[in-house]
Amino acid sequence: MKILGINALNHDAAITLIEDGKILFAAHAERYSGIKNDSNLNKEMFEDMEQYGEPDYVVYFENPYTKKLKTIYGWTI
């Protein structure tokens, strides 16, 4: 089972594809865009990841919608 982990919308966005506890692919947005602490995911990261197959599941470090609400309103959840 392949799992795609995503960390985005904060400094240094990244993705990691794992299978059975082994890292198949990992990338930081900064390496693709050249922008220090880039918070945006890049299409090219996903294109490079596809050579290792499609993920069965996608998980987020933190729900992006909740993260933005916390940032905007200063909530602690």
C-alpha atoms as a PDB file:
ATOM      1  CA  MET A   1       0.000   0.000   0.000  1.00  0.00           C
ATOM      2  CA  LYS A   2       1.408   3.380  -1.033  1.00  0.00           C
ATOM      3  CA  ILE A   3       0.705   6.456   1.065  1.00  0.00           C
ATOM      4  CA  LEU A   4       1.320  10.020  -0.055  1.00  0.00           C
ATOM      5  CA  GLY A   5       2.024  12.423   2.803  1.00  0.00           C
ATOM      6  CA  ILE A   6       1.578  16.132   2.155  1.00  0.00           C
ATOM      7  CA  ASN A   7       2.746  19.124   4.154  1.00  0.00           C
ATOM      8  CA  ALA A   8       1.635  22.390   2.563  1.00  0.00           C
ATOM      9  CA  LEU A   9       0.393  25.930   3.149  1.00  0.00           C
ATOM     10  CA  ASN A  10       3.106  26.665   5.666  1.00  0.00           C
ATOM     11  CA  HIS A  11       6.834  27.176   5.198  1.00  0.00           C
ATOM     12  CA  ASP A  12       8.672  24.611   3.077  1.00  0.00           C
ATOM     13  CA  ALA A  13       5.909  22.497   1.535  1.00  0.00           C
ATOM     14  CA  ALA A  14       6.824  18.849   0.914  1.00  0.00           C
ATOM     15  CA  ILE A  15       5.496  15.490  -0.237  1.00  0.00           C
ATOM     16  CA  THR A  16       6.605  11.951   0.586  1.00  0.00           C
ATOM     17  CA  LEU A  17       5.494   8.667  -0.945  1.00  0.00           C
ATOM     18  CA  ILE A  18       5.993   5.621   1.272  1.00  0.00           C
ATOM     19  CA  GLU A  19       5.282   1.941   0.827  1.00  0.00           C
ATOM     20  CA  ASP A  20       5.505  -0.586   3.663  1.00  0.00           C
ATOM     21  CA  GLY A  21       7.425   1.887   5.807  1.00  0.00           C
ATOM     22  CA  LYS A  22      10.021   2.642   3.106  1.00  0.00           C
ATOM     23  CA  ILE A  23      10.407   6.048   1.498  1.00  0.00           C
ATOM     24  CA  LEU A  24      10.019   5.768  -2.272  1.00  0.00           C
ATOM     25  CA  PHE A  25      10.080   9.480  -3.042  1.00  0.00           C
ATOM     26  CA  ALA A  26      10.413  12.708  -1.073  1.00  0.00           C
ATOM     27  CA  ALA A  27      10.584  16.299  -2.301  1.00  0.00           C
ATOM     28  CA  HIS A  28      10.581  19.843  -0.945  1.00  0.00           C
ATOM     29  CA  ALA A  29       8.947  22.660  -2.887  1.00  0.00           C
ATOM     30  CA  GLU A  30      11.990  24.872  -2.416  1.00  0.00           C
ATOM     31  CA  ARG A  31      14.087  22.527  -4.581  1.00  0.00           C
ATOM     32  CA  TYR A  32      11.651  22.881  -7.460  1.00  0.00           C
ATOM     33  CA  SER A  33      10.823  26.573  -7.273  1.00  0.00           C
ATOM     34  CA  GLY A  34      14.087  27.997  -5.966  1.00  0.00           C
ATOM     35  CA  ILE A  35      12.064  30.053  -3.462  1.00  0.00           C
ATOM     36  CA  LYS A  36      13.279  29.777   0.123  1.00  0.00           C
ATOM     37  CA  ASN A  37      10.602  28.267   2.433  1.00  0.00           C
ATOM     38  CA  ASP A  38       8.137  27.901  -0.475  1.00  0.00           C
ATOM     39  CA  SER A  39       4.703  27.035   0.950  1.00  0.00           C
ATOM     40  CA  ASN A  40       3.156  26.000  -2.382  1.00  0.00           C
ATOM     41  CA  LEU A  41       3.149  22.529  -3.862  1.00  0.00           C
ATOM     42  CA  ASN A  42       4.625  22.313  -7.348  1.00  0.00           C
ATOM     43  CA  LYS A  43       3.154  20.330 -10.220  1.00  0.00           C
ATOM     44  CA  GLU A  44       6.635  19.060 -11.101  1.00  0.00           C
ATOM     45  CA  MET A  45       6.970  17.379  -7.682  1.00  0.00           C
ATOM     46  CA  PHE A  46       3.916  15.262  -8.385  1.00  0.00           C
ATOM     47  CA  GLU A  47       5.057  14.511 -11.913  1.00  0.00           C
ATOM     48  CA  ASP A  48       8.374  13.206 -10.565  1.00  0.00           C
ATOM     49  CA  MET A  49       6.577  11.185  -7.876  1.00  0.00           C
ATOM     50  CA  GLU A  50       4.405   9.434 -10.474  1.00  0.00           C
ATOM     51  CA  GLN A  51       7.367   7.348 -11.649  1.00  0.00           C
ATOM     52  CA  TYR A  52       7.017   5.436  -8.354  1.00  0.00           C
ATOM     53  CA  GLY A  53       3.317   4.733  -8.878  1.00  0.00           C
ATOM     54  CA  GLU A  54       0.017   6.157  -7.748  1.00  0.00           C
ATOM     55  CA  PRO A  55      -0.728   6.423  -4.022  1.00  0.00           C
ATOM     56  CA  ASP A  56      -3.508   4.369  -2.479  1.00  0.00           C
ATOM     57  CA  TYR A  57      -4.066   6.951   0.253  1.00  0.00           C
ATOM     58  CA  VAL A  58      -3.309  10.643   0.697  1.00  0.00           C
ATOM     59  CA  VAL A  59      -2.732  12.075   4.165  1.00  0.00           C
ATOM     60  CA  TYR A  60      -2.044  15.622   5.292  1.00  0.00           C
ATOM     61  CA  PHE A  61       0.230  16.781   8.086  1.00  0.00           C
ATOM     62  CA  GLU A  62      -2.636  19.049   9.049  1.00  0.00           C
ATOM     63  CA  ASN A  63      -5.984  19.687   7.381  1.00  0.00           C
ATOM     64  CA  PRO A  64      -5.245  22.676   5.104  1.00  0.00           C
ATOM     65  CA  TYR A  65      -8.664  24.258   5.673  1.00  0.00           C
ATOM     66  CA  THR A  66      -8.361  24.048   9.466  1.00  0.00           C
ATOM     67  CA  LYS A  67      -4.782  25.336   9.294  1.00  0.00           C
ATOM     68  CA  LYS A  68      -5.849  28.453   7.379  1.00  0.00           C
ATOM     69  CA  LEU A  69      -8.751  29.121   9.756  1.00  0.00           C
ATOM     70  CA  LYS A  70      -6.410  28.852  12.723  1.00  0.00           C
ATOM     71  CA  THR A  71      -3.987  31.259  11.055  1.00  0.00           C
ATOM     72  CA  ILE A  72      -6.678  33.792  10.145  1.00  0.00           C
ATOM     73  CA  TYR A  73      -8.587  33.748  13.425  1.00  0.00           C
ATOM     74  CA  GLY A  74      -5.806  32.792  15.851  1.00  0.00           C
ATOM     75  CA  TRP A  75      -7.678  29.684  16.991  1.00  0.00           C
ATOM     76  CA  THR A  76      -6.151  26.885  19.011  1.00  0.00           C
ATOM     77  CA  ILE A  77      -7.746  23.531  18.405  1.00  0.00           C
END
